[in-house]
């Protein structure tokens, strides 16, 4: 036996599986999907064998849990699906293996399991997956100290799940809980954290949904402020684009609530920034959405000629992305046609 509780042959099998998994990760970074899948399948085969060997060789539960976590990752890469059935099976087994051994390792396994349920929801739209993710994130939080850096990640993860529950029909109480979780996550997130902007974006969304569900007007003002920070500070252009678009929606709601025209001008500006960020991110669908929304605002503030230009830019992007038959693309075409007729008369 090795010091880690595995025999030399077991350790060699697991080490080979992990090397293959690392190579699969490198292939994903290079956008080589076929190579990544092939390597991940080989990694999964070795890791499955390693798990079987550790199960019968008196290995510690921690060793077997780590092997199962790696197996779950390999299966996720091979299936290109973090919520695949095989991934969930491995993660459930990993959680069970460290039930009474290591709080840190159990918290990690629970977080991975919660993330897998959340990913599965994005494919199935089954609310039971959100309920499971919520429950498992909460279990993981109970194992982590309040000053542990991991806690911010767990809070953000659960906040995102609660936000998804709100967007699928949850009420004010769920929205309020999402706001609390994400506010707490941000309080624990340092300024240099690469995921800060993503968490700010989630928090802004949660505030807007809380307002829609019956919250206070202050939700909108706080959302506008935090979304502007997210958009301006995001290291990734896609995150910035999403934040600019979300801020635009908040500003439109403020315009409707107050009747103040300056909110509309700020909304048009926000959508303009969203277009630029989306184009830099090579996200034509996001850019088309931003152009369309800006056109709708410009119809109210700047007249049909300027609005038409924005709709035309949106329509070109819908076509380029192969999404010209979608409902928003059709709406763009209808407005473009109507305004074209107006400007020619």
C-alpha atoms as a PDB file:
ATOM      1  CA  UNK A   1       0.000   0.000   0.000  1.00  0.00           C
ATOM      2  CA  UNK A   2       1.072   3.591  -0.606  1.00  0.00           C
ATOM      3  CA  UNK A   3       0.843   6.263   2.077  1.00  0.00           C
ATOM      4  CA  UNK A   4      -2.396   7.484   0.509  1.00  0.00           C
ATOM      5  CA  UNK A   5      -4.114   4.126   1.086  1.00  0.00           C
ATOM      6  CA  UNK A   6      -3.825   2.636  -2.426  1.00  0.00           C
ATOM      7  CA  UNK A   7      -1.615  -0.084  -3.840  1.00  0.00           C
ATOM      8  CA  UNK A   8       1.090   0.886  -6.359  1.00  0.00           C
ATOM      9  CA  UNK A   9      -0.977  -0.527  -9.236  1.00  0.00           C
ATOM     10  CA  UNK A  10      -4.079   1.374  -8.106  1.00  0.00           C
ATOM     11  CA  UNK A  11      -2.106   4.590  -7.856  1.00  0.00           C
ATOM     12  CA  UNK A  12      -0.637   4.074 -11.336  1.00  0.00           C
ATOM     13  CA  UNK A  13      -4.074   3.588 -12.889  1.00  0.00           C
ATOM     14  CA  UNK A  14      -5.458   6.696 -11.185  1.00  0.00           C
ATOM     15  CA  UNK A  15      -2.376   8.744 -12.103  1.00  0.00           C
ATOM     16  CA  UNK A  16      -2.725   7.764 -15.768  1.00  0.00           C
ATOM     17  CA  UNK A  17      -6.415   8.649 -15.740  1.00  0.00           C
ATOM     18  CA  UNK A  18      -5.638  12.036 -14.230  1.00  0.00           C
ATOM     19  CA  UNK A  19      -2.931  12.728 -16.800  1.00  0.00           C
ATOM     20  CA  UNK A  20      -5.382  11.935 -19.582  1.00  0.00           C
ATOM     21  CA  UNK A  21      -7.983  14.160 -17.939  1.00  0.00           C
ATOM     22  CA  UNK A  22      -5.475  17.021 -17.797  1.00  0.00           C
ATOM     23  CA  UNK A  23      -4.706  16.516 -21.492  1.00  0.00           C
ATOM     24  CA  UNK A  24      -8.448  16.576 -22.234  1.00  0.00           C
ATOM     25  CA  UNK A  25      -8.642  19.895 -20.399  1.00  0.00           C
ATOM     26  CA  UNK A  26      -5.822  21.264 -22.536  1.00  0.00           C
ATOM     27  CA  UNK A  27      -7.664  20.143 -25.670  1.00  0.00           C
ATOM     28  CA  UNK A  28     -10.806  21.970 -24.521  1.00  0.00           C
ATOM     29  CA  UNK A  29      -8.794  25.164 -24.054  1.00  0.00           C
ATOM     30  CA  UNK A  30      -7.633  24.761 -27.660  1.00  0.00           C
ATOM     31  CA  UNK A  31     -11.265  24.235 -28.795  1.00  0.00           C
ATOM     32  CA  UNK A  32     -10.444  20.743 -30.006  1.00  0.00           C
ATOM     33  CA  UNK A  33     -13.709  19.058 -29.000  1.00  0.00           C
ATOM     34  CA  UNK A  34     -13.070  15.676 -30.663  1.00  0.00           C
ATOM     35  CA  UNK A  35      -9.629  15.328 -29.114  1.00  0.00           C
ATOM     36  CA  UNK A  36     -10.985  16.357 -25.711  1.00  0.00           C
ATOM     37  CA  UNK A  37     -13.766  13.773 -25.912  1.00  0.00           C
ATOM     38  CA  UNK A  38     -11.390  10.976 -26.953  1.00  0.00           C
ATOM     39  CA  UNK A  39      -8.968  11.762 -24.131  1.00  0.00           C
ATOM     40  CA  UNK A  40     -11.799  12.121 -21.618  1.00  0.00           C
ATOM     41  CA  UNK A  41     -13.217   8.725 -22.570  1.00  0.00           C
ATOM     42  CA  UNK A  42      -9.797   7.135 -22.014  1.00  0.00           C
ATOM     43  CA  UNK A  43      -9.457   9.006 -18.723  1.00  0.00           C
ATOM     44  CA  UNK A  44     -12.906   7.845 -17.611  1.00  0.00           C
ATOM     45  CA  UNK A  45     -12.010   4.211 -18.383  1.00  0.00           C
ATOM     46  CA  UNK A  46      -8.865   4.408 -16.233  1.00  0.00           C
ATOM     47  CA  UNK A  47     -10.625   6.277 -13.450  1.00  0.00           C
ATOM     48  CA  UNK A  48     -13.519   3.808 -13.422  1.00  0.00           C
ATOM     49  CA  UNK A  49     -11.004   0.986 -13.042  1.00  0.00           C
ATOM     50  CA  UNK A  50      -9.188   2.939 -10.343  1.00  0.00           C
ATOM     51  CA  UNK A  51     -12.421   3.484  -8.435  1.00  0.00           C
ATOM     52  CA  UNK A  52     -13.184  -0.242  -8.578  1.00  0.00           C
ATOM     53  CA  UNK A  53      -9.704  -1.085  -7.350  1.00  0.00           C
ATOM     54  CA  UNK A  54      -9.810   1.388  -4.473  1.00  0.00           C
ATOM     55  CA  UNK A  55     -13.196   0.046  -3.476  1.00  0.00           C
ATOM     56  CA  UNK A  56     -11.754  -3.384  -2.867  1.00  0.00           C
ATOM     57  CA  UNK A  57      -8.235  -2.584  -1.672  1.00  0.00           C
ATOM     58  CA  UNK A  58      -8.870  -0.981   1.698  1.00  0.00           C
ATOM     59  CA  UNK A  59      -8.207   2.514   0.362  1.00  0.00           C
ATOM     60  CA  UNK A  60      -9.327   5.437   2.471  1.00  0.00           C
ATOM     61  CA  UNK A  61     -12.681   6.972   1.652  1.00  0.00           C
ATOM     62  CA  UNK A  62     -10.915  10.273   0.895  1.00  0.00           C
ATOM     63  CA  UNK A  63      -8.807   8.610  -1.809  1.00  0.00           C
ATOM     64  CA  UNK A  64     -11.855   6.999  -3.351  1.00  0.00           C
ATOM     65  CA  UNK A  65     -13.822  10.264  -3.155  1.00  0.00           C
ATOM     66  CA  UNK A  66     -11.124  12.157  -5.054  1.00  0.00           C
ATOM     67  CA  UNK A  67     -11.057   9.426  -7.668  1.00  0.00           C
ATOM     68  CA  UNK A  68     -14.834   9.692  -8.056  1.00  0.00           C
ATOM     69  CA  UNK A  69     -14.628  13.470  -8.392  1.00  0.00           C
ATOM     70  CA  UNK A  70     -12.085  13.063 -11.188  1.00  0.00           C
ATOM     71  CA  UNK A  71     -14.265  10.400 -12.787  1.00  0.00           C
ATOM     72  CA  UNK A  72     -17.228  12.788 -12.727  1.00  0.00           C
ATOM     73  CA  UNK A  73     -15.147  15.453 -14.463  1.00  0.00           C
ATOM     74  CA  UNK A  74     -13.957  13.000 -17.120  1.00  0.00           C
ATOM     75  CA  UNK A  75     -17.516  11.875 -17.804  1.00  0.00           C
ATOM     76  CA  UNK A  76     -18.649  15.491 -18.047  1.00  0.00           C
ATOM     77  CA  UNK A  77     -15.970  16.321 -20.619  1.00  0.00           C
ATOM     78  CA  UNK A  78     -16.663  13.133 -22.586  1.00  0.00           C
ATOM     79  CA  UNK A  79     -20.395  13.856 -22.712  1.00  0.00           C
ATOM     80  CA  UNK A  80     -19.954  17.626 -23.095  1.00  0.00           C
ATOM     81  CA  UNK A  81     -22.569  17.790 -20.347  1.00  0.00           C
ATOM     82  CA  UNK A  82     -21.836  18.625 -16.715  1.00  0.00           C
ATOM     83  CA  UNK A  83     -25.247  17.293 -15.717  1.00  0.00           C
ATOM     84  CA  UNK A  84     -25.066  13.918 -17.463  1.00  0.00           C
ATOM     85  CA  UNK A  85     -26.433  10.907 -15.593  1.00  0.00           C
ATOM     86  CA  UNK A  86     -23.002   9.321 -15.204  1.00  0.00           C
ATOM     87  CA  UNK A  87     -21.652  12.544 -13.717  1.00  0.00           C
ATOM     88  CA  UNK A  88     -24.408  12.670 -11.107  1.00  0.00           C
ATOM     89  CA  UNK A  89     -23.912   8.988 -10.245  1.00  0.00           C
ATOM     90  CA  UNK A  90     -20.199   9.481  -9.575  1.00  0.00           C
ATOM     91  CA  UNK A  91     -20.817  12.608  -7.507  1.00  0.00           C
ATOM     92  CA  UNK A  92     -23.534  10.995  -5.384  1.00  0.00           C
ATOM     93  CA  UNK A  93     -21.111   8.155  -4.668  1.00  0.00           C
ATOM     94  CA  UNK A  94     -18.337  10.611  -3.827  1.00  0.00           C
ATOM     95  CA  UNK A  95     -20.565  12.433  -1.324  1.00  0.00           C
ATOM     96  CA  UNK A  96     -21.537   9.169   0.337  1.00  0.00           C
ATOM     97  CA  UNK A  97     -17.910   8.064   0.618  1.00  0.00           C
ATOM     98  CA  UNK A  98     -16.867  11.025   2.797  1.00  0.00           C
ATOM     99  CA  UNK A  99     -20.018  11.389   4.841  1.00  0.00           C
ATOM    100  CA  UNK A 100     -18.204  11.145   8.184  1.00  0.00           C
ATOM    101  CA  UNK A 101     -14.573  11.714   7.252  1.00  0.00           C
ATOM    102  CA  UNK A 102     -13.551  15.096   5.872  1.00  0.00           C
ATOM    103  CA  UNK A 103     -15.826  18.169   6.062  1.00  0.00           C
ATOM    104  CA  UNK A 104     -13.656  20.020   3.502  1.00  0.00           C
ATOM    105  CA  UNK A 105     -13.722  17.187   0.990  1.00  0.00           C
ATOM    106  CA  UNK A 106     -17.419  16.528   1.584  1.00  0.00           C
ATOM    107  CA  UNK A 107     -18.169  20.227   1.003  1.00  0.00           C
ATOM    108  CA  UNK A 108     -16.272  20.055  -2.281  1.00  0.00           C
ATOM    109  CA  UNK A 109     -18.178  16.948  -3.362  1.00  0.00           C
ATOM    110  CA  UNK A 110     -21.488  18.555  -2.400  1.00  0.00           C
ATOM    111  CA  UNK A 111     -20.642  21.713  -4.353  1.00  0.00           C
ATOM    112  CA  UNK A 112     -19.800  19.666  -7.425  1.00  0.00           C
ATOM    113  CA  UNK A 113     -23.049  17.715  -7.042  1.00  0.00           C
ATOM    114  CA  UNK A 114     -25.094  20.909  -6.694  1.00  0.00           C
ATOM    115  CA  UNK A 115     -23.447  22.349  -9.809  1.00  0.00           C
ATOM    116  CA  UNK A 116     -24.254  19.154 -11.713  1.00  0.00           C
ATOM    117  CA  UNK A 117     -27.939  19.357 -10.739  1.00  0.00           C
ATOM    118  CA  UNK A 118     -27.942  22.997 -11.846  1.00  0.00           C
ATOM    119  CA  UNK A 119     -26.372  22.056 -15.184  1.00  0.00           C
ATOM    120  CA  UNK A 120     -28.915  19.279 -15.646  1.00  0.00           C
ATOM    121  CA  UNK A 121     -31.720  21.778 -15.117  1.00  0.00           C
ATOM    122  CA  UNK A 122     -30.432  23.854 -18.041  1.00  0.00           C
ATOM    123  CA  UNK A 123     -31.014  20.815 -20.288  1.00  0.00           C
ATOM    124  CA  UNK A 124     -34.194  19.395 -18.758  1.00  0.00           C
ATOM    125  CA  UNK A 125     -35.975  22.454 -17.277  1.00  0.00           C
ATOM    126  CA  UNK A 126     -37.094  20.090 -14.508  1.00  0.00           C
ATOM    127  CA  UNK A 127     -37.732  22.139 -11.329  1.00  0.00           C
ATOM    128  CA  UNK A 128     -36.735  19.114  -9.246  1.00  0.00           C
ATOM    129  CA  UNK A 129     -33.147  19.660 -10.375  1.00  0.00           C
ATOM    130  CA  UNK A 130     -33.207  23.217  -8.997  1.00  0.00           C
ATOM    131  CA  UNK A 131     -34.676  21.966  -5.735  1.00  0.00           C
ATOM    132  CA  UNK A 132     -31.909  19.373  -5.482  1.00  0.00           C
ATOM    133  CA  UNK A 133     -29.195  21.928  -6.293  1.00  0.00           C
ATOM    134  CA  UNK A 134     -30.591  24.340  -3.688  1.00  0.00           C
ATOM    135  CA  UNK A 135     -30.687  21.634  -1.018  1.00  0.00           C
ATOM    136  CA  UNK A 136     -27.175  20.375  -1.738  1.00  0.00           C
ATOM    137  CA  UNK A 137     -25.631  23.864  -1.825  1.00  0.00           C
ATOM    138  CA  UNK A 138     -27.207  24.519   1.585  1.00  0.00           C
ATOM    139  CA  UNK A 139     -25.707  21.285   2.927  1.00  0.00           C
ATOM    140  CA  UNK A 140     -22.290  22.329   1.679  1.00  0.00           C
ATOM    141  CA  UNK A 141     -22.594  25.743   3.329  1.00  0.00           C
ATOM    142  CA  UNK A 142     -23.249  24.083   6.689  1.00  0.00           C
ATOM    143  CA  UNK A 143     -19.802  22.461   6.485  1.00  0.00           C
ATOM    144  CA  UNK A 144     -17.839  25.641   5.761  1.00  0.00           C
ATOM    145  CA  UNK A 145     -16.702  28.283   8.235  1.00  0.00           C
ATOM    146  CA  UNK A 146     -18.052  31.801   7.727  1.00  0.00           C
ATOM    147  CA  UNK A 147     -14.572  33.203   6.981  1.00  0.00           C
ATOM    148  CA  UNK A 148     -13.629  30.394   4.564  1.00  0.00           C
ATOM    149  CA  UNK A 149     -13.051  31.752   1.016  1.00  0.00           C
ATOM    150  CA  UNK A 150     -14.995  28.766  -0.318  1.00  0.00           C
ATOM    151  CA  UNK A 151     -18.122  30.145   1.325  1.00  0.00           C
ATOM    152  CA  UNK A 152     -18.414  32.952  -1.243  1.00  0.00           C
ATOM    153  CA  UNK A 153     -18.439  30.379  -4.033  1.00  0.00           C
ATOM    154  CA  UNK A 154     -21.159  28.362  -2.307  1.00  0.00           C
ATOM    155  CA  UNK A 155     -23.258  31.452  -1.636  1.00  0.00           C
ATOM    156  CA  UNK A 156     -22.946  32.560  -5.261  1.00  0.00           C
ATOM    157  CA  UNK A 157     -23.820  29.079  -6.487  1.00  0.00           C
ATOM    158  CA  UNK A 158     -26.921  28.827  -4.332  1.00  0.00           C
ATOM    159  CA  UNK A 159     -27.893  32.401  -5.194  1.00  0.00           C
ATOM    160  CA  UNK A 160     -27.750  31.530  -8.881  1.00  0.00           C
ATOM    161  CA  UNK A 161     -29.973  28.503  -8.297  1.00  0.00           C
ATOM    162  CA  UNK A 162     -32.486  30.582  -6.352  1.00  0.00           C
ATOM    163  CA  UNK A 163     -32.473  33.160  -9.148  1.00  0.00           C
ATOM    164  CA  UNK A 164     -33.271  30.399 -11.645  1.00  0.00           C
ATOM    165  CA  UNK A 165     -36.138  29.331  -9.388  1.00  0.00           C
ATOM    166  CA  UNK A 166     -37.471  32.898  -9.422  1.00  0.00           C
ATOM    167  CA  UNK A 167     -37.245  33.015 -13.218  1.00  0.00           C
ATOM    168  CA  UNK A 168     -39.164  29.727 -13.444  1.00  0.00           C
ATOM    169  CA  UNK A 169     -42.066  31.005 -11.344  1.00  0.00           C
ATOM    170  CA  UNK A 170     -40.780  31.490  -7.796  1.00  0.00           C
ATOM    171  CA  UNK A 171     -42.309  34.304  -5.789  1.00  0.00           C
ATOM    172  CA  UNK A 172     -41.154  37.163  -3.602  1.00  0.00           C
ATOM    173  CA  UNK A 173     -39.817  34.956  -0.808  1.00  0.00           C
ATOM    174  CA  UNK A 174     -37.520  33.035  -3.178  1.00  0.00           C
ATOM    175  CA  UNK A 175     -36.394  36.297  -4.798  1.00  0.00           C
ATOM    176  CA  UNK A 176     -35.601  37.773  -1.383  1.00  0.00           C
ATOM    177  CA  UNK A 177     -33.545  34.709  -0.493  1.00  0.00           C
ATOM    178  CA  UNK A 178     -31.638  34.969  -3.783  1.00  0.00           C
ATOM    179  CA  UNK A 179     -30.840  38.617  -3.024  1.00  0.00           C
ATOM    180  CA  UNK A 180     -29.623  37.710   0.487  1.00  0.00           C
ATOM    181  CA  UNK A 181     -27.377  34.895  -0.738  1.00  0.00           C
ATOM    182  CA  UNK A 182     -25.833  36.947  -3.526  1.00  0.00           C
ATOM    183  CA  UNK A 183     -25.376  40.005  -1.335  1.00  0.00           C
ATOM    184  CA  UNK A 184     -23.515  37.817   1.171  1.00  0.00           C
ATOM    185  CA  UNK A 185     -21.425  36.308  -1.644  1.00  0.00           C
ATOM    186  CA  UNK A 186     -20.384  39.766  -2.837  1.00  0.00           C
ATOM    187  CA  UNK A 187     -19.473  40.816   0.693  1.00  0.00           C
ATOM    188  CA  UNK A 188     -16.992  37.916   0.797  1.00  0.00           C
ATOM    189  CA  UNK A 189     -15.639  38.468  -2.736  1.00  0.00           C
ATOM    190  CA  UNK A 190     -12.392  40.508  -2.882  1.00  0.00           C
ATOM    191  CA  UNK A 191     -11.916  43.204  -5.475  1.00  0.00           C
ATOM    192  CA  UNK A 192      -9.352  41.236  -7.465  1.00  0.00           C
ATOM    193  CA  UNK A 193     -11.481  38.097  -7.750  1.00  0.00           C
ATOM    194  CA  UNK A 194     -11.927  37.219 -11.469  1.00  0.00           C
ATOM    195  CA  UNK A 195     -15.552  36.175 -10.868  1.00  0.00           C
ATOM    196  CA  UNK A 196     -16.541  39.433  -9.155  1.00  0.00           C
ATOM    197  CA  UNK A 197     -18.301  40.849 -12.225  1.00  0.00           C
ATOM    198  CA  UNK A 198     -20.236  37.598 -12.772  1.00  0.00           C
ATOM    199  CA  UNK A 199     -21.469  37.726  -9.173  1.00  0.00           C
ATOM    200  CA  UNK A 200     -22.371  41.394  -9.505  1.00  0.00           C
ATOM    201  CA  UNK A 201     -24.360  40.522 -12.636  1.00  0.00           C
ATOM    202  CA  UNK A 202     -26.238  37.771 -10.768  1.00  0.00           C
ATOM    203  CA  UNK A 203     -26.928  40.148  -7.888  1.00  0.00           C
ATOM    204  CA  UNK A 204     -28.260  42.827 -10.240  1.00  0.00           C
ATOM    205  CA  UNK A 205     -30.541  40.285 -11.891  1.00  0.00           C
ATOM    206  CA  UNK A 206     -31.779  39.106  -8.511  1.00  0.00           C
ATOM    207  CA  UNK A 207     -32.580  42.674  -7.460  1.00  0.00           C
ATOM    208  CA  UNK A 208     -34.559  43.282 -10.651  1.00  0.00           C
ATOM    209  CA  UNK A 209     -36.509  40.025 -10.220  1.00  0.00           C
ATOM    210  CA  UNK A 210     -37.139  40.914  -6.566  1.00  0.00           C
ATOM    211  CA  UNK A 211     -38.617  44.244  -7.657  1.00  0.00           C
ATOM    212  CA  UNK A 212     -40.788  42.524 -10.274  1.00  0.00           C
ATOM    213  CA  UNK A 213     -42.034  40.054  -7.650  1.00  0.00           C
ATOM    214  CA  UNK A 214     -43.194  42.880  -5.407  1.00  0.00           C
ATOM    215  CA  UNK A 215     -40.070  44.428  -3.932  1.00  0.00           C
ATOM    216  CA  UNK A 216     -39.256  48.088  -3.378  1.00  0.00           C
ATOM    217  CA  UNK A 217     -38.216  50.760  -5.884  1.00  0.00           C
ATOM    218  CA  UNK A 218     -34.813  50.855  -4.195  1.00  0.00           C
ATOM    219  CA  UNK A 219     -34.156  47.432  -5.762  1.00  0.00           C
ATOM    220  CA  UNK A 220     -33.963  49.096  -9.175  1.00  0.00           C
ATOM    221  CA  UNK A 221     -31.579  51.826  -8.107  1.00  0.00           C
ATOM    222  CA  UNK A 222     -29.243  49.349  -6.436  1.00  0.00           C
ATOM    223  CA  UNK A 223     -29.480  47.035  -9.455  1.00  0.00           C
ATOM    224  CA  UNK A 224     -28.588  49.858 -11.841  1.00  0.00           C
ATOM    225  CA  UNK A 225     -25.547  50.742  -9.744  1.00  0.00           C
ATOM    226  CA  UNK A 226     -24.209  47.200  -9.350  1.00  0.00           C
ATOM    227  CA  UNK A 227     -24.821  46.300 -13.006  1.00  0.00           C
ATOM    228  CA  UNK A 228     -22.882  49.367 -14.149  1.00  0.00           C
ATOM    229  CA  UNK A 229     -19.981  48.241 -11.970  1.00  0.00           C
ATOM    230  CA  UNK A 230     -20.210  44.725 -13.379  1.00  0.00           C
ATOM    231  CA  UNK A 231     -20.258  45.953 -16.969  1.00  0.00           C
ATOM    232  CA  UNK A 232     -17.340  48.344 -16.548  1.00  0.00           C
ATOM    233  CA  UNK A 233     -15.203  45.946 -14.515  1.00  0.00           C
ATOM    234  CA  UNK A 234     -15.856  42.655 -16.282  1.00  0.00           C
ATOM    235  CA  UNK A 235     -12.687  40.970 -17.579  1.00  0.00           C
ATOM    236  CA  UNK A 236     -14.781  39.058 -20.144  1.00  0.00           C
ATOM    237  CA  UNK A 237     -16.601  40.951 -22.882  1.00  0.00           C
ATOM    238  CA  UNK A 238     -19.542  38.529 -22.821  1.00  0.00           C
ATOM    239  CA  UNK A 239     -20.143  39.214 -19.122  1.00  0.00           C
ATOM    240  CA  UNK A 240     -19.912  42.941 -19.826  1.00  0.00           C
ATOM    241  CA  UNK A 241     -22.458  42.646 -22.644  1.00  0.00           C
ATOM    242  CA  UNK A 242     -24.907  40.749 -20.449  1.00  0.00           C
ATOM    243  CA  UNK A 243     -24.517  43.346 -17.703  1.00  0.00           C
ATOM    244  CA  UNK A 244     -25.104  46.248 -20.108  1.00  0.00           C
ATOM    245  CA  UNK A 245     -28.263  44.575 -21.433  1.00  0.00           C
ATOM    246  CA  UNK A 246     -29.547  43.826 -17.942  1.00  0.00           C
ATOM    247  CA  UNK A 247     -28.841  47.420 -16.891  1.00  0.00           C
ATOM    248  CA  UNK A 248     -30.787  48.631 -19.920  1.00  0.00           C
ATOM    249  CA  UNK A 249     -33.835  46.669 -18.753  1.00  0.00           C
ATOM    250  CA  UNK A 250     -33.519  48.164 -15.276  1.00  0.00           C
ATOM    251  CA  UNK A 251     -33.273  51.682 -16.721  1.00  0.00           C
ATOM    252  CA  UNK A 252     -36.374  51.114 -18.848  1.00  0.00           C
ATOM    253  CA  UNK A 253     -38.267  50.018 -15.744  1.00  0.00           C
ATOM    254  CA  UNK A 254     -37.084  53.136 -13.917  1.00  0.00           C
ATOM    255  CA  UNK A 255     -38.216  55.276 -16.858  1.00  0.00           C
ATOM    256  CA  UNK A 256     -41.650  53.700 -16.730  1.00  0.00           C
ATOM    257  CA  UNK A 257     -41.915  54.115 -12.970  1.00  0.00           C
ATOM    258  CA  UNK A 258     -40.770  57.740 -12.798  1.00  0.00           C
ATOM    259  CA  UNK A 259     -41.582  59.194 -16.213  1.00  0.00           C
ATOM    260  CA  UNK A 260     -38.144  60.838 -16.231  1.00  0.00           C
ATOM    261  CA  UNK A 261     -36.770  60.908 -19.819  1.00  0.00           C
ATOM    262  CA  UNK A 262     -33.125  60.784 -18.704  1.00  0.00           C
ATOM    263  CA  UNK A 263     -33.563  57.115 -17.809  1.00  0.00           C
ATOM    264  CA  UNK A 264     -34.415  56.394 -21.444  1.00  0.00           C
ATOM    265  CA  UNK A 265     -31.279  58.176 -22.649  1.00  0.00           C
ATOM    266  CA  UNK A 266     -29.203  56.128 -20.210  1.00  0.00           C
ATOM    267  CA  UNK A 267     -30.912  52.940 -21.403  1.00  0.00           C
ATOM    268  CA  UNK A 268     -30.046  53.706 -25.042  1.00  0.00           C
ATOM    269  CA  UNK A 269     -26.451  54.333 -24.008  1.00  0.00           C
ATOM    270  CA  UNK A 270     -26.349  51.090 -22.033  1.00  0.00           C
ATOM    271  CA  UNK A 271     -27.593  49.081 -25.024  1.00  0.00           C
ATOM    272  CA  UNK A 272     -24.997  50.815 -27.204  1.00  0.00           C
ATOM    273  CA  UNK A 273     -22.260  49.641 -24.832  1.00  0.00           C
ATOM    274  CA  UNK A 274     -23.864  46.201 -24.902  1.00  0.00           C
ATOM    275  CA  UNK A 275     -23.555  46.056 -28.685  1.00  0.00           C
ATOM    276  CA  UNK A 276     -19.862  46.927 -28.557  1.00  0.00           C
ATOM    277  CA  UNK A 277     -19.086  44.409 -25.821  1.00  0.00           C
ATOM    278  CA  UNK A 278     -21.043  41.651 -27.564  1.00  0.00           C
ATOM    279  CA  UNK A 279     -19.252  42.248 -30.859  1.00  0.00           C
ATOM    280  CA  UNK A 280     -15.870  42.134 -29.116  1.00  0.00           C
ATOM    281  CA  UNK A 281     -16.963  38.836 -27.558  1.00  0.00           C
ATOM    282  CA  UNK A 282     -17.981  37.488 -30.999  1.00  0.00           C
ATOM    283  CA  UNK A 283     -21.563  37.067 -29.730  1.00  0.00           C
ATOM    284  CA  UNK A 284     -23.782  38.177 -32.640  1.00  0.00           C
ATOM    285  CA  UNK A 285     -27.021  37.109 -30.927  1.00  0.00           C
ATOM    286  CA  UNK A 286     -26.293  39.304 -27.912  1.00  0.00           C
ATOM    287  CA  UNK A 287     -25.317  42.165 -30.185  1.00  0.00           C
ATOM    288  CA  UNK A 288     -28.556  41.756 -32.146  1.00  0.00           C
ATOM    289  CA  UNK A 289     -30.604  41.829 -28.934  1.00  0.00           C
ATOM    290  CA  UNK A 290     -28.822  44.982 -27.807  1.00  0.00           C
ATOM    291  CA  UNK A 291     -29.351  46.693 -31.188  1.00  0.00           C
ATOM    292  CA  UNK A 292     -33.046  45.746 -31.131  1.00  0.00           C
ATOM    293  CA  UNK A 293     -33.558  47.059 -27.613  1.00  0.00           C
ATOM    294  CA  UNK A 294     -31.693  50.265 -28.459  1.00  0.00           C
ATOM    295  CA  UNK A 295     -33.915  50.699 -31.506  1.00  0.00           C
ATOM    296  CA  UNK A 296     -37.011  50.388 -29.323  1.00  0.00           C
ATOM    297  CA  UNK A 297     -35.686  53.115 -27.026  1.00  0.00           C
ATOM    298  CA  UNK A 298     -34.639  55.374 -29.902  1.00  0.00           C
ATOM    299  CA  UNK A 299     -38.157  55.180 -31.345  1.00  0.00           C
ATOM    300  CA  UNK A 300     -39.278  56.992 -28.203  1.00  0.00           C
ATOM    301  CA  UNK A 301     -36.389  59.426 -27.836  1.00  0.00           C
ATOM    302  CA  UNK A 302     -34.696  60.112 -31.171  1.00  0.00           C
ATOM    303  CA  UNK A 303     -37.209  59.458 -33.912  1.00  0.00           C
ATOM    304  CA  UNK A 304     -37.728  56.786 -36.582  1.00  0.00           C
ATOM    305  CA  UNK A 305     -34.599  57.432 -38.661  1.00  0.00           C
ATOM    306  CA  UNK A 306     -32.138  56.659 -35.873  1.00  0.00           C
ATOM    307  CA  UNK A 307     -34.251  53.778 -34.589  1.00  0.00           C
ATOM    308  CA  UNK A 308     -34.347  52.279 -38.087  1.00  0.00           C
ATOM    309  CA  UNK A 309     -30.551  52.173 -38.267  1.00  0.00           C
ATOM    310  CA  UNK A 310     -30.413  50.221 -35.025  1.00  0.00           C
ATOM    311  CA  UNK A 311     -33.090  47.757 -36.183  1.00  0.00           C
ATOM    312  CA  UNK A 312     -31.275  47.290 -39.490  1.00  0.00           C
ATOM    313  CA  UNK A 313     -28.044  46.498 -37.666  1.00  0.00           C
ATOM    314  CA  UNK A 314     -29.946  44.020 -35.481  1.00  0.00           C
ATOM    315  CA  UNK A 315     -31.536  42.341 -38.510  1.00  0.00           C
ATOM    316  CA  UNK A 316     -28.166  41.932 -40.205  1.00  0.00           C
ATOM    317  CA  UNK A 317     -26.821  40.238 -37.072  1.00  0.00           C
ATOM    318  CA  UNK A 318     -29.866  37.950 -36.713  1.00  0.00           C
ATOM    319  CA  UNK A 319     -29.285  36.818 -40.295  1.00  0.00           C
ATOM    320  CA  UNK A 320     -25.555  36.374 -39.789  1.00  0.00           C
ATOM    321  CA  UNK A 321     -26.216  34.204 -36.717  1.00  0.00           C
ATOM    322  CA  UNK A 322     -28.788  32.062 -38.539  1.00  0.00           C
ATOM    323  CA  UNK A 323     -31.532  33.216 -36.142  1.00  0.00           C
ATOM    324  CA  UNK A 324     -33.697  35.265 -38.494  1.00  0.00           C
ATOM    325  CA  UNK A 325     -36.753  33.051 -37.862  1.00  0.00           C
ATOM    326  CA  UNK A 326     -36.776  33.612 -34.094  1.00  0.00           C
ATOM    327  CA  UNK A 327     -39.509  35.695 -32.411  1.00  0.00           C
ATOM    328  CA  UNK A 328     -37.297  38.667 -31.556  1.00  0.00           C
ATOM    329  CA  UNK A 329     -35.762  38.637 -35.041  1.00  0.00           C
ATOM    330  CA  UNK A 330     -39.263  38.719 -36.529  1.00  0.00           C
ATOM    331  CA  UNK A 331     -40.090  41.631 -34.239  1.00  0.00           C
ATOM    332  CA  UNK A 332     -36.969  43.413 -35.488  1.00  0.00           C
ATOM    333  CA  UNK A 333     -38.028  42.846 -39.106  1.00  0.00           C
ATOM    334  CA  UNK A 334     -41.561  44.110 -38.426  1.00  0.00           C
ATOM    335  CA  UNK A 335     -40.305  47.315 -36.806  1.00  0.00           C
ATOM    336  CA  UNK A 336     -37.699  47.785 -39.531  1.00  0.00           C
ATOM    337  CA  UNK A 337     -40.375  47.406 -42.217  1.00  0.00           C
ATOM    338  CA  UNK A 338     -42.777  49.787 -40.478  1.00  0.00           C
ATOM    339  CA  UNK A 339     -40.145  52.456 -39.870  1.00  0.00           C
ATOM    340  CA  UNK A 340     -38.789  52.064 -43.390  1.00  0.00           C
ATOM    341  CA  UNK A 341     -42.203  52.894 -44.766  1.00  0.00           C
ATOM    342  CA  UNK A 342     -42.501  55.855 -42.405  1.00  0.00           C
ATOM    343  CA  UNK A 343     -39.139  57.377 -43.305  1.00  0.00           C
ATOM    344  CA  UNK A 344     -39.848  57.080 -47.043  1.00  0.00           C
ATOM    345  CA  UNK A 345     -43.073  59.050 -46.846  1.00  0.00           C
END
